[in-house]
């Protein structure tokens, strides 16, 4: 009985399958992201795992090929002539053109799908999860009910509309200022309730800034003269850094703040403690 002969094509196929399996394992089991603390985070993490798997596969494959080539085709001791010129492998050229093209097309389509599901295509830069938290303009406000930039509540599929906490964010060199219009509170820290939608209306006083909370997987530019809206729902109580992710001047690196996610009861206590005016029923509906 003859021995099994492994041709270069079969060996290459096995190596390719092994690389893909290693890349998938690394992408699913090696977590480089901070803790997820918003409803947007799981969607973003799905995309990151896919990109991490693809990147790991390509990195190991390319580095492995380079190391193999350096060892297999190195100049031997005593050799003084040039190596043989090898050219003209049409199947290989088609392969290394087709694979990257398919990968780039897949990443582009999948990234757009995630961006759309996170609400990236909603007007006014509203980045709540499409289909789960869709900001809408009510036909008419009830007695004593305030609307803010045309927004008064968040509609969650299968549930009645939930009041969103309205917060005004002012970015300047080099700080974020947060104002709660319903309670007349101005703070250097962002306090939000866990499990309740929050609507940020963001403006810049001077240059372009960016509001970035890594744990929320959200980043939004703040542009002078062009107010932007950003909505999110925090899910995990705790303190998380707010970072300006747009170079805005000499002290850009120090432009940081903190978002404090609290249980609804603690958030209501913070509002009551810091509000200089007694909360009205209408404001309590939107804030607590």
Protein backbone atom coordinates (compact mmCIF):
# COMPACT_ATOMS: atom_id res chain seq x y z
CA UNK A 1 0.00 0.00 0.00
CA UNK A 2 1.45 3.34 -1.05
CA UNK A 3 2.00 6.14 1.40
CA UNK A 4 -0.28 9.15 1.41
CA UNK A 5 1.27 12.03 -0.49
CA UNK A 6 0.42 15.50 0.76
CA UNK A 7 0.64 17.93 -2.11
CA UNK A 8 1.51 21.60 -1.49
CA UNK A 9 -2.12 22.54 -2.19
CA UNK A 10 -3.44 20.16 0.49
CA UNK A 11 -0.84 21.39 2.99
CA UNK A 12 -1.79 24.99 2.21
CA UNK A 13 -5.49 24.14 2.69
CA UNK A 14 -4.81 22.56 6.09
CA UNK A 15 -2.69 25.54 7.16
CA UNK A 16 -5.44 27.93 6.06
CA UNK A 17 -8.09 26.04 8.03
CA UNK A 18 -5.84 26.00 11.10
CA UNK A 19 -5.23 29.75 10.82
CA UNK A 20 -8.96 30.45 10.57
CA UNK A 21 -9.71 28.28 13.61
CA UNK A 22 -6.97 29.96 15.66
CA UNK A 23 -8.22 33.39 14.63
CA UNK A 24 -11.80 32.51 15.60
CA UNK A 25 -10.68 31.17 18.98
CA UNK A 26 -8.61 34.28 19.73
CA UNK A 27 -11.42 36.61 18.65
CA UNK A 28 -13.96 34.86 20.87
CA UNK A 29 -11.78 34.25 23.94
CA UNK A 30 -9.31 37.14 24.16
CA UNK A 31 -11.07 40.28 25.39
CA UNK A 32 -9.17 43.56 25.01
CA UNK A 33 -12.17 45.85 25.55
CA UNK A 34 -13.17 47.56 28.79
CA UNK A 35 -16.29 46.49 30.61
CA UNK A 36 -19.53 47.00 28.66
CA UNK A 37 -21.84 49.49 30.37
CA UNK A 38 -24.52 50.47 27.83
CA UNK A 39 -27.06 48.83 25.57
CA UNK A 40 -24.90 49.75 22.56
CA UNK A 41 -21.85 47.89 23.84
CA UNK A 42 -22.83 44.28 22.92
CA UNK A 43 -23.40 45.24 19.28
CA UNK A 44 -20.04 46.99 19.06
CA UNK A 45 -18.35 44.06 20.78
CA UNK A 46 -19.73 41.67 18.17
CA UNK A 47 -18.08 43.73 15.43
CA UNK A 48 -14.83 43.95 17.38
CA UNK A 49 -14.67 40.17 17.81
CA UNK A 50 -15.14 39.65 14.08
CA UNK A 51 -12.44 42.21 13.21
CA UNK A 52 -10.11 40.80 15.87
CA UNK A 53 -10.57 37.28 14.47
CA UNK A 54 -9.79 38.44 10.93
CA UNK A 55 -6.82 40.50 12.09
CA UNK A 56 -5.40 37.61 14.11
CA UNK A 57 -5.71 35.23 11.17
CA UNK A 58 -3.97 37.63 8.80
CA UNK A 59 -1.27 38.56 11.30
CA UNK A 60 -0.32 34.96 12.11
CA UNK A 61 -0.49 33.95 8.44
CA UNK A 62 1.64 36.83 7.15
CA UNK A 63 4.22 36.72 9.94
CA UNK A 64 4.38 32.94 9.67
CA UNK A 65 5.00 33.15 5.92
CA UNK A 66 7.71 35.78 6.39
CA UNK A 67 9.50 33.70 9.05
CA UNK A 68 9.21 30.55 6.93
CA UNK A 69 10.58 32.35 3.87
CA UNK A 70 13.51 33.80 5.84
CA UNK A 71 14.48 30.33 7.00
CA UNK A 72 13.62 28.28 3.90
CA UNK A 73 15.09 30.61 1.29
CA UNK A 74 18.00 32.14 3.21
CA UNK A 75 21.39 32.40 1.53
CA UNK A 76 23.30 29.20 2.22
CA UNK A 77 26.90 29.16 3.42
CA UNK A 78 29.29 29.33 0.48
CA UNK A 79 26.63 30.52 -1.98
CA UNK A 80 27.79 33.49 -4.07
CA UNK A 81 25.21 33.52 -6.85
CA UNK A 82 21.76 35.09 -6.94
CA UNK A 83 18.73 32.95 -6.18
CA UNK A 84 16.54 31.62 -8.95
CA UNK A 85 13.93 34.12 -10.20
CA UNK A 86 10.41 32.79 -9.72
CA UNK A 87 7.48 34.53 -11.38
CA UNK A 88 4.16 33.91 -13.07
CA UNK A 89 1.83 32.02 -10.70
CA UNK A 90 -1.64 33.00 -11.88
CA UNK A 91 -3.66 30.87 -9.38
CA UNK A 92 -1.69 32.33 -6.47
CA UNK A 93 -2.22 35.89 -7.73
CA UNK A 94 -5.96 35.28 -8.08
CA UNK A 95 -6.07 33.78 -4.58
CA UNK A 96 -4.30 36.64 -2.83
CA UNK A 97 -6.45 39.16 -4.69
CA UNK A 98 -9.80 37.42 -4.17
CA UNK A 99 -9.42 36.69 -0.44
CA UNK A 100 -8.69 40.30 0.61
CA UNK A 101 -11.47 41.56 -1.68
CA UNK A 102 -14.02 39.21 -0.08
CA UNK A 103 -12.81 40.08 3.44
CA UNK A 104 -13.00 43.84 2.81
CA UNK A 105 -16.48 43.52 1.26
CA UNK A 106 -17.71 41.43 4.20
CA UNK A 107 -16.24 43.83 6.79
CA UNK A 108 -17.78 46.82 5.03
CA UNK A 109 -21.28 45.31 4.86
CA UNK A 110 -21.16 43.96 8.41
CA UNK A 111 -19.80 47.25 9.81
CA UNK A 112 -22.57 49.21 8.11
CA UNK A 113 -25.16 46.81 9.53
CA UNK A 114 -23.81 47.28 13.08
CA UNK A 115 -23.62 51.06 12.59
CA UNK A 116 -27.23 51.12 11.42
CA UNK A 117 -28.42 48.91 14.31
CA UNK A 118 -26.67 51.23 16.77
CA UNK A 119 -28.66 54.12 15.29
CA UNK A 120 -25.90 55.67 13.21
CA UNK A 121 -28.28 56.43 10.33
CA UNK A 122 -30.80 58.24 12.54
CA UNK A 123 -30.83 62.01 11.84
CA UNK A 124 -29.19 64.47 14.23
CA UNK A 125 -26.56 61.92 15.28
CA UNK A 126 -28.95 60.05 17.57
CA UNK A 127 -26.98 56.90 18.43
CA UNK A 128 -29.56 54.96 20.39
CA UNK A 129 -30.19 51.39 19.28
CA UNK A 130 -32.43 51.45 16.25
CA UNK A 131 -35.61 49.49 16.81
CA UNK A 132 -35.08 49.47 20.56
CA UNK A 133 -34.64 53.11 21.49
CA UNK A 134 -35.90 55.40 18.75
CA UNK A 135 -36.17 59.07 19.54
CA UNK A 136 -39.38 60.58 18.24
CA UNK A 137 -41.17 63.88 18.19
CA UNK A 138 -44.58 63.71 19.89
CA UNK A 139 -47.64 64.98 18.16
CA UNK A 140 -48.59 67.04 21.16
CA UNK A 141 -47.19 67.51 24.63
CA UNK A 142 -49.38 66.85 27.60
CA UNK A 143 -50.20 69.50 30.22
CA UNK A 144 -47.06 70.67 31.92
CA UNK A 145 -44.89 68.34 29.84
CA UNK A 146 -41.72 69.89 28.46
CA UNK A 147 -40.09 68.86 25.23
CA UNK A 148 -36.41 69.42 24.60
CA UNK A 149 -35.18 69.91 21.03
CA UNK A 150 -38.36 68.17 19.88
CA UNK A 151 -37.66 65.13 22.06
CA UNK A 152 -39.67 64.17 25.12
CA UNK A 153 -39.51 60.40 25.36
CA UNK A 154 -37.93 57.26 24.02
CA UNK A 155 -40.02 54.52 22.45
CA UNK A 156 -38.95 50.96 23.19
CA UNK A 157 -40.44 48.29 20.96
CA UNK A 158 -43.19 46.40 22.77
CA UNK A 159 -43.24 48.81 25.70
CA UNK A 160 -44.79 52.22 26.38
CA UNK A 161 -42.57 55.26 25.74
CA UNK A 162 -39.99 55.87 28.47
CA UNK A 163 -39.08 59.40 29.47
CA UNK A 164 -35.51 60.30 28.55
CA UNK A 165 -33.35 62.31 30.92
CA UNK A 166 -32.44 65.54 29.08
CA UNK A 167 -28.93 66.86 29.70
CA UNK A 168 -27.14 69.75 28.02
CA UNK A 169 -23.41 69.24 27.44
CA UNK A 170 -21.10 72.18 26.81
CA UNK A 171 -17.55 71.44 25.64
CA UNK A 172 -14.85 74.08 25.94
CA UNK A 173 -11.10 74.28 26.25
CA UNK A 174 -10.57 72.22 28.33
CA UNK A 175 -13.61 70.87 30.19
CA UNK A 176 -17.08 69.39 29.87
CA UNK A 177 -19.96 71.13 31.64
CA UNK A 178 -23.25 69.29 32.21
CA UNK A 179 -26.54 71.06 32.81
CA UNK A 180 -29.82 69.42 33.83
CA UNK A 181 -32.45 71.90 32.57
CA UNK A 182 -35.38 70.32 34.41
CA UNK A 183 -33.65 70.55 37.79
CA UNK A 184 -31.46 73.61 37.12
CA UNK A 185 -28.30 71.68 38.04
CA UNK A 186 -24.86 72.46 36.62
CA UNK A 187 -22.19 69.86 37.24
CA UNK A 188 -18.66 68.99 36.19
CA UNK A 189 -19.58 65.30 36.32
CA UNK A 190 -22.25 63.49 34.36
CA UNK A 191 -24.74 61.65 36.58
CA UNK A 192 -27.19 59.30 34.84
CA UNK A 193 -29.63 56.61 36.05
CA UNK A 194 -29.00 52.99 35.17
CA UNK A 195 -31.56 51.44 32.84
CA UNK A 196 -33.13 54.74 31.74
CA UNK A 197 -32.53 56.48 28.40
CA UNK A 198 -30.48 59.67 28.46
CA UNK A 199 -30.53 62.40 25.79
CA UNK A 200 -27.50 64.64 25.46
CA UNK A 201 -27.67 67.91 23.55
CA UNK A 202 -24.05 68.83 22.94
CA UNK A 203 -22.54 72.16 21.89
CA UNK A 204 -18.98 73.47 21.68
CA UNK A 205 -17.95 76.99 22.68
CA UNK A 206 -14.69 77.19 20.74
CA UNK A 207 -13.21 74.34 18.68
CA UNK A 208 -14.19 70.79 17.75
CA UNK A 209 -14.26 68.40 20.69
CA UNK A 210 -15.41 64.78 21.00
CA UNK A 211 -17.45 63.10 23.72
CA UNK A 212 -16.14 59.57 24.22
CA UNK A 213 -17.01 57.00 26.89
CA UNK A 214 -15.11 53.77 26.06
CA UNK A 215 -17.32 51.64 28.33
CA UNK A 216 -20.42 52.86 26.46
CA UNK A 217 -18.78 52.26 23.05
CA UNK A 218 -19.97 55.73 22.03
CA UNK A 219 -18.06 58.67 20.57
CA UNK A 220 -19.59 61.82 19.09
CA UNK A 221 -17.91 64.94 17.74
CA UNK A 222 -19.06 68.25 19.22
CA UNK A 223 -18.86 70.98 16.59
CA UNK A 224 -19.12 74.75 17.19
CA UNK A 225 -22.36 76.17 15.81
CA UNK A 226 -23.83 72.74 15.13
CA UNK A 227 -25.55 71.15 18.16
CA UNK A 228 -25.51 67.37 18.11
CA UNK A 229 -27.74 64.88 19.88
CA UNK A 230 -26.55 61.66 21.45
CA UNK A 231 -28.74 59.18 23.31
CA UNK A 232 -27.79 56.10 25.26
CA UNK A 233 -28.94 53.83 28.06
CA UNK A 234 -26.38 52.92 30.71
CA UNK A 235 -26.71 49.43 32.11
CA UNK A 236 -23.99 48.97 34.71
CA UNK A 237 -23.69 51.22 37.79
CA UNK A 238 -20.23 52.63 38.32
CA UNK A 239 -17.88 55.48 37.39
CA UNK A 240 -16.46 55.66 33.87
CA UNK A 241 -14.10 58.16 32.23
CA UNK A 242 -15.28 60.73 29.70
CA UNK A 243 -12.49 61.56 27.27
CA UNK A 244 -12.18 64.24 24.62
CA UNK A 245 -11.12 62.22 21.57
CA UNK A 246 -10.51 65.18 19.24
CA UNK A 247 -7.29 67.19 19.42
CA UNK A 248 -8.54 70.53 20.74
CA UNK A 249 -5.47 72.38 21.96
CA UNK A 250 -2.41 72.31 24.16
CA UNK A 251 -4.19 70.75 27.16
CA UNK A 252 -6.30 68.31 25.16
CA UNK A 253 -4.87 65.38 27.11
CA UNK A 254 -6.26 66.79 30.35
CA UNK A 255 -9.80 67.32 29.05
CA UNK A 256 -11.48 64.54 30.98
CA UNK A 257 -14.50 64.07 33.17
CA UNK A 258 -16.49 61.21 34.69
CA UNK A 259 -19.89 59.70 34.05
CA UNK A 260 -21.42 58.22 37.19
CA UNK A 261 -24.10 55.61 36.55
CA UNK A 262 -26.35 55.20 39.58
CA UNK A 263 -29.43 53.13 40.41
CA UNK A 264 -32.58 55.19 39.75
CA UNK A 265 -33.19 55.78 43.47
CA UNK A 266 -29.67 57.11 44.06
CA UNK A 267 -29.89 59.28 40.96
CA UNK A 268 -33.18 60.76 42.18
CA UNK A 269 -31.55 61.48 45.55
CA UNK A 270 -28.62 63.19 43.82
CA UNK A 271 -31.02 65.37 41.81
CA UNK A 272 -33.00 66.31 44.90
CA UNK A 273 -29.84 67.08 46.87
CA UNK A 274 -28.24 69.27 44.20
CA UNK A 275 -31.28 70.99 42.71
CA UNK A 276 -31.64 74.61 43.89
CA UNK A 277 -35.36 74.53 43.08
CA UNK A 278 -38.07 72.14 44.16
CA UNK A 279 -38.74 69.57 41.46
CA UNK A 280 -42.10 69.91 39.72
CA UNK A 281 -44.24 66.93 38.68
CA UNK A 282 -43.30 67.56 35.06
CA UNK A 283 -39.59 67.65 35.80
CA UNK A 284 -39.82 64.59 38.03
CA UNK A 285 -41.31 62.72 35.06
CA UNK A 286 -38.27 63.49 32.94
CA UNK A 287 -35.52 63.42 35.53
CA UNK A 288 -36.35 60.63 37.98
